[in-house]
Amino acid sequence: MGIHWWWYAETLVDGDWKLWPERTAAEVGRPRELLFVSGRRRVMDLFVGPQPLFSMNTELPTQPPDSEYLGYAQQHHDDEYGPTYWCDFEDLLVEEWTTCRILVTAEVPAWQAPLFTDGASAFPERALREAGLSRPDVDQLRDGRPTGTGIDRTWGRAPRNMDAVERVRAVPVTWSDTVAGLFGQHALAAFEFLRSRPGDRRRVFVRRG
């Protein structure tokens, strides 16, 4: 069973924290999420992993000011799936997501490993597509977690010389990527839209379930 993540956002308007996106009059129950991240996506390690790139709090902020999200959380959240993480929106440095590069690791079938060359180059999307992978397959491979050590794959047996078992054996690879590249354009668009919303301050919450 996968671990899913819900991102919620609030903006400080007229002295109170208001959920965004706003619920319509017909919507009841849980608040609308800013972003839903399905499954065990390793990109979440950037925010809630053992060594996150972005620092998030696990002790919820206090009231006042009044908070729509905290009012909901106090009634409906428990510790079954761990803490709720949160931070000020500015701490996510969204404006740098397309330029700041980090070293990332994941596992791929052994025959694909040489496409990642020295382990410090950009994600080999074009080479993987030319090797016959579909776009969804490539996007799934790109879901990596941050690492501090590169893996050089310019050496070793050529893919054509591997036997059938060895070709599909999972091996680790590394590449250089941006936060936007890992998280995807849909996530980037959601956070950029939040940044454009009116309000004195903005903050985000992350809940696992």
N, C-alpha and C. Protein backbone atom coordinates (compact mmCIF):
# COMPACT_ATOMS: atom_id res chain seq x y z
N MET A 1 0.85 -1.18 0.00
CA MET A 1 0.00 0.00 0.00
C MET A 1 0.89 1.24 0.00
N GLY A 2 0.58 2.19 -0.85
CA GLY A 2 1.41 3.37 -0.99
C GLY A 2 1.18 4.36 0.14
N ILE A 3 2.13 5.22 0.32
CA ILE A 3 2.02 6.32 1.28
C ILE A 3 1.70 7.56 0.48
N HIS A 4 0.57 8.18 0.79
CA HIS A 4 0.14 9.36 0.06
C HIS A 4 0.38 10.61 0.91
N TRP A 5 0.56 11.72 0.23
CA TRP A 5 0.84 12.98 0.90
C TRP A 5 -0.12 14.05 0.41
N TRP A 6 -0.62 14.83 1.36
CA TRP A 6 -1.48 15.97 1.03
C TRP A 6 -0.80 17.25 1.49
N TRP A 7 -0.72 18.21 0.57
CA TRP A 7 -0.20 19.54 0.88
C TRP A 7 -1.39 20.50 1.02
N TYR A 8 -1.40 21.28 2.10
CA TYR A 8 -2.41 22.30 2.30
C TYR A 8 -1.73 23.65 2.44
N ALA A 9 -2.46 24.70 2.14
CA ALA A 9 -1.88 26.04 2.20
C ALA A 9 -2.85 27.01 2.88
N GLU A 10 -2.27 27.99 3.55
CA GLU A 10 -3.05 29.07 4.16
C GLU A 10 -2.41 30.41 3.80
N THR A 11 -3.25 31.42 3.71
CA THR A 11 -2.77 32.79 3.53
C THR A 11 -3.32 33.64 4.68
N LEU A 12 -2.51 34.57 5.15
CA LEU A 12 -2.91 35.45 6.24
C LEU A 12 -3.63 36.66 5.63
N VAL A 13 -4.93 36.72 5.89
CA VAL A 13 -5.77 37.77 5.32
C VAL A 13 -6.55 38.44 6.44
N ASP A 14 -6.42 39.75 6.56
CA ASP A 14 -7.15 40.53 7.58
C ASP A 14 -6.97 39.95 8.98
N GLY A 15 -5.76 39.48 9.27
CA GLY A 15 -5.43 39.02 10.61
C GLY A 15 -5.74 37.57 10.91
N ASP A 16 -6.32 36.83 9.98
CA ASP A 16 -6.64 35.41 10.19
C ASP A 16 -6.06 34.57 9.06
N TRP A 17 -5.75 33.29 9.38
CA TRP A 17 -5.23 32.36 8.38
C TRP A 17 -6.41 31.68 7.67
N LYS A 18 -6.46 31.84 6.36
CA LYS A 18 -7.53 31.30 5.54
C LYS A 18 -6.98 30.22 4.61
N LEU A 19 -7.70 29.11 4.50
CA LEU A 19 -7.28 28.03 3.60
C LEU A 19 -7.32 28.49 2.15
N TRP A 20 -6.35 28.00 1.40
CA TRP A 20 -6.34 28.23 -0.04
C TRP A 20 -5.86 26.95 -0.72
N PRO A 21 -6.54 26.45 -1.76
CA PRO A 21 -7.71 27.04 -2.42
C PRO A 21 -8.94 27.06 -1.51
N GLU A 22 -9.79 28.06 -1.69
CA GLU A 22 -10.98 28.19 -0.88
C GLU A 22 -12.00 27.12 -1.24
N ARG A 23 -12.75 26.67 -0.24
CA ARG A 23 -13.83 25.73 -0.49
C ARG A 23 -15.05 26.47 -1.03
N THR A 24 -15.78 25.79 -1.89
CA THR A 24 -17.04 26.36 -2.36
C THR A 24 -18.12 26.11 -1.32
N ALA A 25 -19.26 26.75 -1.50
CA ALA A 25 -20.36 26.60 -0.54
C ALA A 25 -20.85 25.16 -0.47
N ALA A 26 -20.67 24.40 -1.56
CA ALA A 26 -21.17 23.02 -1.61
C ALA A 26 -20.19 22.03 -1.00
N GLU A 27 -18.97 22.46 -0.72
CA GLU A 27 -17.95 21.55 -0.21
C GLU A 27 -17.97 21.51 1.32
N VAL A 28 -17.97 20.31 1.85
CA VAL A 28 -17.95 20.13 3.31
C VAL A 28 -16.87 19.12 3.65
N GLY A 29 -16.60 18.94 4.94
CA GLY A 29 -15.60 17.96 5.34
C GLY A 29 -14.20 18.51 5.27
N ARG A 30 -13.27 17.69 4.77
CA ARG A 30 -11.86 18.06 4.78
C ARG A 30 -11.59 19.23 3.85
N PRO A 31 -10.58 20.03 4.15
CA PRO A 31 -10.25 21.17 3.29
C PRO A 31 -9.71 20.72 1.94
N ARG A 32 -9.76 21.60 0.99
CA ARG A 32 -9.19 21.33 -0.33
C ARG A 32 -7.67 21.39 -0.23
N GLU A 33 -7.00 20.43 -0.87
CA GLU A 33 -5.54 20.43 -0.81
C GLU A 33 -4.94 21.29 -1.90
N LEU A 34 -3.77 21.83 -1.60
CA LEU A 34 -2.99 22.53 -2.62
C LEU A 34 -2.42 21.55 -3.62
N LEU A 35 -1.98 20.37 -3.11
CA LEU A 35 -1.33 19.38 -3.95
C LEU A 35 -1.48 18.00 -3.33
N PHE A 36 -1.71 16.99 -4.16
CA PHE A 36 -1.77 15.61 -3.72
C PHE A 36 -0.62 14.85 -4.37
N VAL A 37 0.17 14.16 -3.57
CA VAL A 37 1.31 13.39 -4.06
C VAL A 37 1.03 11.93 -3.77
N SER A 38 0.84 11.14 -4.80
CA SER A 38 0.42 9.75 -4.61
C SER A 38 1.61 8.82 -4.50
N GLY A 39 1.39 7.71 -3.78
CA GLY A 39 2.38 6.65 -3.71
C GLY A 39 3.61 7.01 -2.92
N ARG A 40 4.62 6.16 -3.03
CA ARG A 40 5.87 6.33 -2.28
C ARG A 40 6.88 7.17 -3.05
N ARG A 41 6.49 8.35 -3.45
CA ARG A 41 7.39 9.18 -4.24
C ARG A 41 8.59 9.64 -3.42
N ARG A 42 9.78 9.30 -3.92
CA ARG A 42 11.00 9.61 -3.19
C ARG A 42 11.30 11.10 -3.16
N VAL A 43 10.69 11.86 -4.05
CA VAL A 43 10.92 13.30 -4.06
C VAL A 43 10.50 13.94 -2.73
N MET A 44 9.60 13.30 -1.98
CA MET A 44 9.18 13.86 -0.70
C MET A 44 10.32 13.89 0.31
N ASP A 45 11.38 13.10 0.07
CA ASP A 45 12.56 13.17 0.95
C ASP A 45 13.19 14.55 0.95
N LEU A 46 12.94 15.34 -0.08
CA LEU A 46 13.45 16.70 -0.11
C LEU A 46 12.87 17.54 1.03
N PHE A 47 11.69 17.15 1.50
CA PHE A 47 10.98 17.94 2.51
C PHE A 47 10.87 17.24 3.86
N VAL A 48 10.71 15.91 3.87
CA VAL A 48 10.44 15.20 5.12
C VAL A 48 11.35 13.99 5.30
N GLY A 49 12.43 13.90 4.55
CA GLY A 49 13.35 12.78 4.64
C GLY A 49 14.33 12.92 5.79
N PRO A 50 15.26 11.96 5.90
CA PRO A 50 16.26 12.00 6.98
C PRO A 50 17.17 13.24 6.93
N GLN A 51 17.49 13.69 5.72
CA GLN A 51 18.31 14.88 5.53
C GLN A 51 17.64 15.78 4.50
N PRO A 52 16.57 16.45 4.89
CA PRO A 52 15.79 17.22 3.92
C PRO A 52 16.54 18.44 3.40
N LEU A 53 16.22 18.81 2.17
CA LEU A 53 16.79 20.02 1.60
C LEU A 53 16.10 21.25 2.17
N PHE A 54 14.81 21.11 2.49
CA PHE A 54 14.03 22.20 3.04
C PHE A 54 13.60 21.82 4.46
N SER A 55 13.81 22.72 5.39
CA SER A 55 13.51 22.43 6.79
C SER A 55 12.04 22.71 7.07
N MET A 56 11.34 21.69 7.65
CA MET A 56 9.94 21.85 8.01
C MET A 56 9.76 21.52 9.49
N ASN A 57 8.80 22.17 10.13
CA ASN A 57 8.51 21.99 11.54
C ASN A 57 7.53 20.84 11.75
N THR A 58 7.61 20.17 12.90
CA THR A 58 6.64 19.14 13.24
C THR A 58 5.78 19.56 14.43
N GLU A 59 6.13 20.65 15.08
CA GLU A 59 5.29 21.21 16.15
C GLU A 59 4.41 22.29 15.53
N LEU A 60 3.10 22.07 15.55
CA LEU A 60 2.18 22.97 14.87
C LEU A 60 2.24 24.37 15.46
N PRO A 61 2.01 25.39 14.63
CA PRO A 61 2.00 26.76 15.14
C PRO A 61 0.85 26.98 16.12
N THR A 62 0.98 27.99 16.94
CA THR A 62 -0.05 28.28 17.94
C THR A 62 -1.05 29.29 17.40
N GLN A 63 -2.19 29.33 18.06
CA GLN A 63 -3.20 30.33 17.75
C GLN A 63 -3.35 31.25 18.97
N PRO A 64 -3.74 32.55 18.82
CA PRO A 64 -4.07 33.21 17.56
C PRO A 64 -2.84 33.54 16.74
N PRO A 65 -2.98 34.01 15.48
CA PRO A 65 -4.25 34.27 14.80
C PRO A 65 -5.04 32.98 14.54
N ASP A 66 -6.35 33.14 14.36
CA ASP A 66 -7.18 31.99 14.04
C ASP A 66 -6.74 31.37 12.73
N SER A 67 -6.86 30.03 12.67
CA SER A 67 -6.38 29.28 11.50
C SER A 67 -7.44 28.25 11.09
N GLU A 68 -7.88 28.32 9.85
CA GLU A 68 -8.86 27.35 9.36
C GLU A 68 -8.27 25.96 9.34
N TYR A 69 -7.02 25.83 8.92
CA TYR A 69 -6.42 24.50 8.85
C TYR A 69 -6.23 23.90 10.24
N LEU A 70 -5.72 24.67 11.19
CA LEU A 70 -5.50 24.15 12.53
C LEU A 70 -6.82 23.76 13.20
N GLY A 71 -7.86 24.50 12.92
CA GLY A 71 -9.17 24.14 13.46
C GLY A 71 -9.62 22.79 12.96
N TYR A 72 -9.38 22.52 11.68
CA TYR A 72 -9.71 21.21 11.11
C TYR A 72 -8.79 20.13 11.70
N ALA A 73 -7.50 20.40 11.78
CA ALA A 73 -6.54 19.40 12.24
C ALA A 73 -6.81 18.97 13.69
N GLN A 74 -7.19 19.91 14.54
CA GLN A 74 -7.43 19.59 15.94
C GLN A 74 -8.59 18.62 16.11
N GLN A 75 -9.52 18.64 15.17
CA GLN A 75 -10.69 17.76 15.26
C GLN A 75 -10.47 16.41 14.59
N HIS A 76 -9.66 16.38 13.54
CA HIS A 76 -9.63 15.19 12.67
C HIS A 76 -8.28 14.49 12.58
N HIS A 77 -7.20 15.11 13.00
CA HIS A 77 -5.89 14.49 12.84
C HIS A 77 -5.49 13.70 14.08
N ASP A 78 -4.81 12.59 13.86
CA ASP A 78 -4.19 11.85 14.95
C ASP A 78 -2.75 11.51 14.53
N ASP A 79 -2.05 10.71 15.32
CA ASP A 79 -0.65 10.42 15.04
C ASP A 79 -0.44 9.09 14.32
N GLU A 80 -1.51 8.51 13.77
CA GLU A 80 -1.39 7.20 13.14
C GLU A 80 -0.37 7.20 12.02
N TYR A 81 -0.34 8.27 11.23
CA TYR A 81 0.56 8.33 10.08
C TYR A 81 1.72 9.30 10.30
N GLY A 82 1.98 9.63 11.54
CA GLY A 82 3.10 10.52 11.82
C GLY A 82 2.65 11.97 11.94
N PRO A 83 3.60 12.87 12.12
CA PRO A 83 3.27 14.27 12.38
C PRO A 83 2.81 15.00 11.12
N THR A 84 2.24 16.16 11.35
CA THR A 84 1.99 17.12 10.27
C THR A 84 3.21 18.03 10.18
N TYR A 85 3.74 18.20 8.99
CA TYR A 85 4.89 19.08 8.77
C TYR A 85 4.38 20.42 8.25
N TRP A 86 5.10 21.49 8.57
CA TRP A 86 4.69 22.79 8.04
C TRP A 86 5.88 23.74 8.00
N CYS A 87 5.75 24.77 7.19
CA CYS A 87 6.76 25.84 7.14
C CYS A 87 6.15 27.05 6.46
N ASP A 88 6.78 28.19 6.66
CA ASP A 88 6.40 29.37 5.89
C ASP A 88 6.70 29.13 4.43
N PHE A 89 5.83 29.62 3.57
CA PHE A 89 6.00 29.39 2.14
C PHE A 89 7.35 29.89 1.64
N GLU A 90 7.82 31.00 2.17
CA GLU A 90 9.09 31.56 1.70
C GLU A 90 10.25 30.62 1.94
N ASP A 91 10.14 29.74 2.96
CA ASP A 91 11.23 28.81 3.27
C ASP A 91 11.40 27.72 2.21
N LEU A 92 10.42 27.56 1.33
CA LEU A 92 10.52 26.56 0.26
C LEU A 92 11.36 27.05 -0.92
N LEU A 93 11.64 28.35 -0.98
CA LEU A 93 12.50 28.92 -2.03
C LEU A 93 12.04 28.49 -3.43
N VAL A 94 10.74 28.57 -3.67
CA VAL A 94 10.18 28.11 -4.95
C VAL A 94 10.81 28.83 -6.13
N GLU A 95 11.20 30.08 -5.95
CA GLU A 95 11.80 30.84 -7.05
C GLU A 95 13.11 30.24 -7.53
N GLU A 96 13.71 29.33 -6.73
CA GLU A 96 14.97 28.71 -7.12
C GLU A 96 14.80 27.26 -7.60
N TRP A 97 13.59 26.76 -7.65
CA TRP A 97 13.36 25.36 -7.99
C TRP A 97 13.80 25.00 -9.41
N THR A 98 13.82 25.94 -10.30
CA THR A 98 14.20 25.63 -11.69
C THR A 98 15.68 25.82 -11.95
N THR A 99 16.42 26.37 -10.99
CA THR A 99 17.84 26.65 -11.23
C THR A 99 18.77 25.91 -10.27
N CYS A 100 18.38 25.75 -9.01
CA CYS A 100 19.24 25.08 -8.03
C CYS A 100 19.32 23.58 -8.33
N ARG A 101 20.53 23.05 -8.46
CA ARG A 101 20.70 21.65 -8.82
C ARG A 101 21.19 20.83 -7.62
N ILE A 102 20.73 19.59 -7.55
CA ILE A 102 21.11 18.67 -6.48
C ILE A 102 21.44 17.31 -7.09
N LEU A 103 22.23 16.52 -6.37
CA LEU A 103 22.56 15.17 -6.80
C LEU A 103 21.48 14.22 -6.28
N VAL A 104 20.99 13.36 -7.18
CA VAL A 104 19.83 12.51 -6.89
C VAL A 104 20.18 11.06 -7.22
N THR A 105 19.57 10.11 -6.49
CA THR A 105 19.80 8.69 -6.76
C THR A 105 18.49 7.94 -6.87
N ALA A 106 18.51 6.86 -7.66
CA ALA A 106 17.39 5.93 -7.80
C ALA A 106 17.97 4.63 -8.35
N GLU A 107 17.13 3.60 -8.46
CA GLU A 107 17.56 2.34 -9.04
C GLU A 107 16.89 2.14 -10.40
N VAL A 108 17.66 1.58 -11.35
CA VAL A 108 17.16 1.31 -12.69
C VAL A 108 17.63 -0.08 -13.11
N PRO A 109 17.01 -0.70 -14.11
CA PRO A 109 17.54 -1.96 -14.65
C PRO A 109 18.97 -1.77 -15.14
N ALA A 110 19.81 -2.76 -14.96
CA ALA A 110 21.24 -2.62 -15.24
C ALA A 110 21.54 -2.17 -16.67
N TRP A 111 20.71 -2.58 -17.62
CA TRP A 111 21.00 -2.21 -19.02
C TRP A 111 20.84 -0.71 -19.25
N GLN A 112 20.09 -0.01 -18.37
CA GLN A 112 19.90 1.44 -18.52
C GLN A 112 20.99 2.24 -17.81
N ALA A 113 21.73 1.60 -16.90
CA ALA A 113 22.69 2.33 -16.08
C ALA A 113 23.73 3.11 -16.88
N PRO A 114 24.30 2.55 -17.99
CA PRO A 114 25.31 3.31 -18.72
C PRO A 114 24.78 4.63 -19.29
N LEU A 115 23.47 4.77 -19.45
CA LEU A 115 22.89 6.00 -19.98
C LEU A 115 23.06 7.16 -19.00
N PHE A 116 23.34 6.85 -17.73
CA PHE A 116 23.52 7.89 -16.72
C PHE A 116 24.98 8.34 -16.62
N THR A 117 25.84 7.82 -17.47
CA THR A 117 27.24 8.21 -17.66
C THR A 117 27.98 8.40 -16.34
N ASP A 118 28.49 9.61 -16.10
CA ASP A 118 29.38 9.82 -14.95
C ASP A 118 28.64 10.01 -13.63
N GLY A 119 27.31 9.97 -13.64
CA GLY A 119 26.54 10.11 -12.42
C GLY A 119 26.38 11.52 -11.92
N ALA A 120 26.93 12.51 -12.65
CA ALA A 120 26.80 13.91 -12.24
C ALA A 120 26.18 14.76 -13.33
N SER A 121 25.79 14.12 -14.43
CA SER A 121 25.18 14.84 -15.54
C SER A 121 23.67 14.94 -15.34
N ALA A 122 23.02 15.66 -16.24
CA ALA A 122 21.57 15.82 -16.16
C ALA A 122 20.86 14.49 -16.42
N PHE A 123 19.62 14.41 -15.97
CA PHE A 123 18.83 13.20 -16.17
C PHE A 123 18.75 12.89 -17.66
N PRO A 124 19.07 11.64 -18.10
CA PRO A 124 19.18 11.30 -19.52
C PRO A 124 17.82 11.00 -20.17
N GLU A 125 16.91 11.95 -20.12
CA GLU A 125 15.56 11.72 -20.63
C GLU A 125 15.57 11.34 -22.12
N ARG A 126 16.32 12.08 -22.91
CA ARG A 126 16.34 11.80 -24.34
C ARG A 126 16.90 10.42 -24.63
N ALA A 127 17.99 10.04 -23.97
CA ALA A 127 18.61 8.73 -24.19
C ALA A 127 17.67 7.61 -23.79
N LEU A 128 16.93 7.79 -22.71
CA LEU A 128 15.99 6.77 -22.27
C LEU A 128 14.83 6.63 -23.25
N ARG A 129 14.34 7.74 -23.78
CA ARG A 129 13.26 7.67 -24.76
C ARG A 129 13.74 7.01 -26.04
N GLU A 130 14.97 7.32 -26.46
CA GLU A 130 15.53 6.69 -27.66
C GLU A 130 15.78 5.20 -27.46
N ALA A 131 15.94 4.79 -26.19
CA ALA A 131 16.13 3.37 -25.88
C ALA A 131 14.80 2.61 -25.85
N GLY A 132 13.69 3.33 -26.03
CA GLY A 132 12.40 2.66 -26.14
C GLY A 132 11.46 2.85 -24.98
N LEU A 133 11.82 3.64 -23.96
CA LEU A 133 10.95 3.84 -22.81
C LEU A 133 9.87 4.87 -23.14
N SER A 134 8.68 4.66 -22.61
CA SER A 134 7.59 5.60 -22.79
C SER A 134 7.80 6.80 -21.86
N ARG A 135 7.09 7.88 -22.12
CA ARG A 135 7.21 9.06 -21.25
C ARG A 135 6.81 8.75 -19.80
N PRO A 136 5.69 8.03 -19.54
CA PRO A 136 5.38 7.68 -18.14
C PRO A 136 6.48 6.86 -17.48
N ASP A 137 7.10 5.92 -18.24
CA ASP A 137 8.19 5.13 -17.67
C ASP A 137 9.38 6.01 -17.31
N VAL A 138 9.68 6.96 -18.17
CA VAL A 138 10.79 7.88 -17.91
C VAL A 138 10.50 8.74 -16.69
N ASP A 139 9.26 9.25 -16.60
CA ASP A 139 8.89 10.09 -15.45
C ASP A 139 9.00 9.30 -14.15
N GLN A 140 8.64 8.02 -14.19
CA GLN A 140 8.74 7.19 -12.99
C GLN A 140 10.19 6.98 -12.57
N LEU A 141 11.08 6.79 -13.55
CA LEU A 141 12.49 6.63 -13.23
C LEU A 141 13.08 7.89 -12.60
N ARG A 142 12.55 9.03 -12.98
CA ARG A 142 13.12 10.30 -12.52
C ARG A 142 12.80 10.60 -11.06
N ASP A 143 11.94 9.81 -10.46
CA ASP A 143 11.57 10.03 -9.07
C ASP A 143 12.69 9.54 -8.15
N GLY A 144 13.63 10.42 -7.85
CA GLY A 144 14.78 10.04 -7.04
C GLY A 144 14.79 10.74 -5.69
N ARG A 145 15.77 10.39 -4.87
CA ARG A 145 15.94 11.05 -3.57
C ARG A 145 17.34 11.67 -3.52
N PRO A 146 17.51 12.73 -2.74
CA PRO A 146 18.82 13.39 -2.70
C PRO A 146 19.90 12.49 -2.12
N THR A 147 21.11 12.67 -2.61
CA THR A 147 22.25 11.89 -2.14
C THR A 147 23.49 12.78 -2.16
N GLY A 148 24.53 12.34 -1.47
CA GLY A 148 25.75 13.12 -1.43
C GLY A 148 26.89 12.53 -2.23
N THR A 149 26.67 11.33 -2.81
CA THR A 149 27.73 10.62 -3.51
C THR A 149 27.29 10.21 -4.90
N GLY A 150 28.07 10.59 -5.92
CA GLY A 150 27.76 10.21 -7.29
C GLY A 150 28.25 8.80 -7.62
N ILE A 151 27.62 8.17 -8.62
CA ILE A 151 27.99 6.83 -9.06
C ILE A 151 28.34 6.89 -10.54
N ASP A 152 29.58 6.63 -10.86
CA ASP A 152 30.05 6.68 -12.26
C ASP A 152 29.65 5.39 -12.96
N ARG A 153 28.85 5.50 -14.04
CA ARG A 153 28.42 4.33 -14.80
C ARG A 153 29.01 4.31 -16.21
N THR A 154 30.15 4.97 -16.39
CA THR A 154 30.79 4.96 -17.70
C THR A 154 31.65 3.72 -17.92
N TRP A 155 31.76 2.86 -16.88
CA TRP A 155 32.56 1.65 -17.00
C TRP A 155 31.64 0.44 -16.84
N GLY A 156 32.17 -0.75 -17.09
CA GLY A 156 31.41 -1.98 -16.90
C GLY A 156 30.99 -2.60 -18.22
N ARG A 157 30.27 -3.70 -18.13
CA ARG A 157 29.86 -4.43 -19.33
C ARG A 157 28.83 -3.64 -20.13
N ALA A 158 28.98 -3.67 -21.43
CA ALA A 158 28.02 -3.00 -22.31
C ALA A 158 26.68 -3.72 -22.23
N PRO A 159 25.55 -2.99 -22.39
CA PRO A 159 24.23 -3.62 -22.31
C PRO A 159 24.06 -4.81 -23.25
N ARG A 160 24.68 -4.74 -24.42
CA ARG A 160 24.50 -5.83 -25.40
C ARG A 160 25.20 -7.12 -24.96
N ASN A 161 26.13 -7.02 -24.01
CA ASN A 161 26.85 -8.19 -23.55
C ASN A 161 26.29 -8.79 -22.26
N MET A 162 25.19 -8.23 -21.76
CA MET A 162 24.59 -8.74 -20.53
C MET A 162 23.64 -9.88 -20.84
N ASP A 163 23.57 -10.87 -19.94
CA ASP A 163 22.58 -11.91 -20.12
C ASP A 163 21.22 -11.40 -19.64
N ALA A 164 20.18 -12.18 -19.88
CA ALA A 164 18.81 -11.72 -19.63
C ALA A 164 18.58 -11.35 -18.18
N VAL A 165 19.13 -12.13 -17.26
CA VAL A 165 18.93 -11.86 -15.84
C VAL A 165 19.65 -10.59 -15.42
N GLU A 166 20.88 -10.46 -15.87
CA GLU A 166 21.67 -9.30 -15.47
C GLU A 166 21.09 -8.01 -16.03
N ARG A 167 20.49 -8.05 -17.20
CA ARG A 167 19.93 -6.85 -17.83
C ARG A 167 18.88 -6.18 -16.96
N VAL A 168 18.08 -6.97 -16.27
CA VAL A 168 16.98 -6.40 -15.50
C VAL A 168 17.31 -6.25 -14.01
N ARG A 169 18.51 -6.62 -13.62
CA ARG A 169 18.92 -6.46 -12.22
C ARG A 169 18.93 -4.98 -11.85
N ALA A 170 18.34 -4.65 -10.70
CA ALA A 170 18.26 -3.26 -10.27
C ALA A 170 19.61 -2.78 -9.74
N VAL A 171 20.06 -1.65 -10.25
CA VAL A 171 21.32 -1.06 -9.79
C VAL A 171 21.11 0.43 -9.51
N PRO A 172 21.85 0.99 -8.57
CA PRO A 172 21.71 2.42 -8.28
C PRO A 172 22.43 3.28 -9.32
N VAL A 173 21.84 4.43 -9.59
CA VAL A 173 22.45 5.43 -10.47
C VAL A 173 22.25 6.80 -9.83
N THR A 174 22.98 7.78 -10.30
CA THR A 174 22.82 9.15 -9.83
C THR A 174 22.81 10.09 -11.01
N TRP A 175 22.22 11.27 -10.78
CA TRP A 175 22.23 12.33 -11.79
C TRP A 175 22.01 13.67 -11.10
N SER A 176 22.27 14.72 -11.82
CA SER A 176 22.06 16.07 -11.33
C SER A 176 20.71 16.57 -11.81
N ASP A 177 19.90 17.11 -10.89
CA ASP A 177 18.55 17.52 -11.27
C ASP A 177 18.16 18.77 -10.49
N THR A 178 17.05 19.38 -10.90
CA THR A 178 16.47 20.51 -10.19
C THR A 178 15.28 20.02 -9.37
N VAL A 179 14.86 20.81 -8.39
CA VAL A 179 13.67 20.46 -7.62
C VAL A 179 12.46 20.39 -8.53
N ALA A 180 12.34 21.34 -9.46
CA ALA A 180 11.23 21.32 -10.40
C ALA A 180 11.26 20.08 -11.28
N GLY A 181 12.46 19.65 -11.68
CA GLY A 181 12.58 18.46 -12.50
C GLY A 181 12.12 17.22 -11.78
N LEU A 182 12.42 17.13 -10.48
CA LEU A 182 12.01 15.97 -9.70
C LEU A 182 10.52 16.01 -9.36
N PHE A 183 10.06 17.18 -8.92
CA PHE A 183 8.69 17.29 -8.44
C PHE A 183 7.68 17.34 -9.57
N GLY A 184 8.10 17.86 -10.74
CA GLY A 184 7.21 17.91 -11.89
C GLY A 184 6.56 19.27 -12.07
N GLN A 185 6.12 19.55 -13.29
CA GLN A 185 5.54 20.85 -13.61
C GLN A 185 4.22 21.10 -12.89
N HIS A 186 3.45 20.03 -12.65
CA HIS A 186 2.17 20.21 -11.96
C HIS A 186 2.39 20.77 -10.56
N ALA A 187 3.36 20.22 -9.84
CA ALA A 187 3.66 20.70 -8.49
C ALA A 187 4.21 22.12 -8.54
N LEU A 188 5.12 22.37 -9.46
CA LEU A 188 5.70 23.71 -9.58
C LEU A 188 4.61 24.74 -9.84
N ALA A 189 3.66 24.42 -10.72
CA ALA A 189 2.59 25.36 -11.05
C ALA A 189 1.72 25.65 -9.82
N ALA A 190 1.46 24.62 -8.99
CA ALA A 190 0.63 24.82 -7.81
C ALA A 190 1.29 25.80 -6.84
N PHE A 191 2.60 25.64 -6.61
CA PHE A 191 3.29 26.51 -5.67
C PHE A 191 3.49 27.91 -6.24
N GLU A 192 3.71 28.02 -7.54
CA GLU A 192 3.83 29.34 -8.14
C GLU A 192 2.50 30.09 -8.09
N PHE A 193 1.39 29.37 -8.25
CA PHE A 193 0.08 29.98 -8.15
C PHE A 193 -0.17 30.47 -6.73
N LEU A 194 0.24 29.66 -5.74
CA LEU A 194 0.10 30.10 -4.35
C LEU A 194 0.89 31.38 -4.11
N ARG A 195 2.05 31.48 -4.67
CA ARG A 195 2.88 32.66 -4.48
C ARG A 195 2.21 33.92 -5.02
N SER A 196 1.34 33.76 -6.01
CA SER A 196 0.67 34.91 -6.62
C SER A 196 -0.60 35.32 -5.87
N ARG A 197 -1.01 34.55 -4.86
CA ARG A 197 -2.24 34.86 -4.13
C ARG A 197 -2.05 36.07 -3.22
N PRO A 198 -3.10 36.90 -3.06
CA PRO A 198 -2.99 38.03 -2.13
C PRO A 198 -2.94 37.56 -0.69
N GLY A 199 -2.30 38.33 0.15
CA GLY A 199 -2.21 37.99 1.57
C GLY A 199 -0.91 38.52 2.14
N ASP A 200 -0.90 38.71 3.46
CA ASP A 200 0.30 39.24 4.12
C ASP A 200 1.38 38.17 4.25
N ARG A 201 0.98 36.91 4.48
CA ARG A 201 1.91 35.79 4.59
C ARG A 201 1.25 34.54 4.04
N ARG A 202 2.08 33.51 3.77
CA ARG A 202 1.58 32.22 3.30
C ARG A 202 2.36 31.13 4.03
N ARG A 203 1.70 30.00 4.27
CA ARG A 203 2.39 28.86 4.86
C ARG A 203 1.75 27.58 4.34
N VAL A 204 2.52 26.48 4.41
CA VAL A 204 2.05 25.20 3.89
C VAL A 204 2.15 24.12 4.96
N PHE A 205 1.26 23.13 4.85
CA PHE A 205 1.24 21.97 5.74
C PHE A 205 1.31 20.71 4.90
N VAL A 206 1.99 19.69 5.39
CA VAL A 206 2.10 18.40 4.69
C VAL A 206 1.64 17.31 5.64
N ARG A 207 0.70 16.51 5.14
CA ARG A 207 0.12 15.43 5.96
C ARG A 207 0.21 14.12 5.21
N ARG A 208 0.66 13.05 5.89
CA ARG A 208 0.77 11.72 5.27
C ARG A 208 -0.43 10.86 5.63
N GLY A 209 -0.83 9.99 4.69
CA GLY A 209 -1.96 9.12 4.97
C GLY A 209 -1.97 7.90 4.09
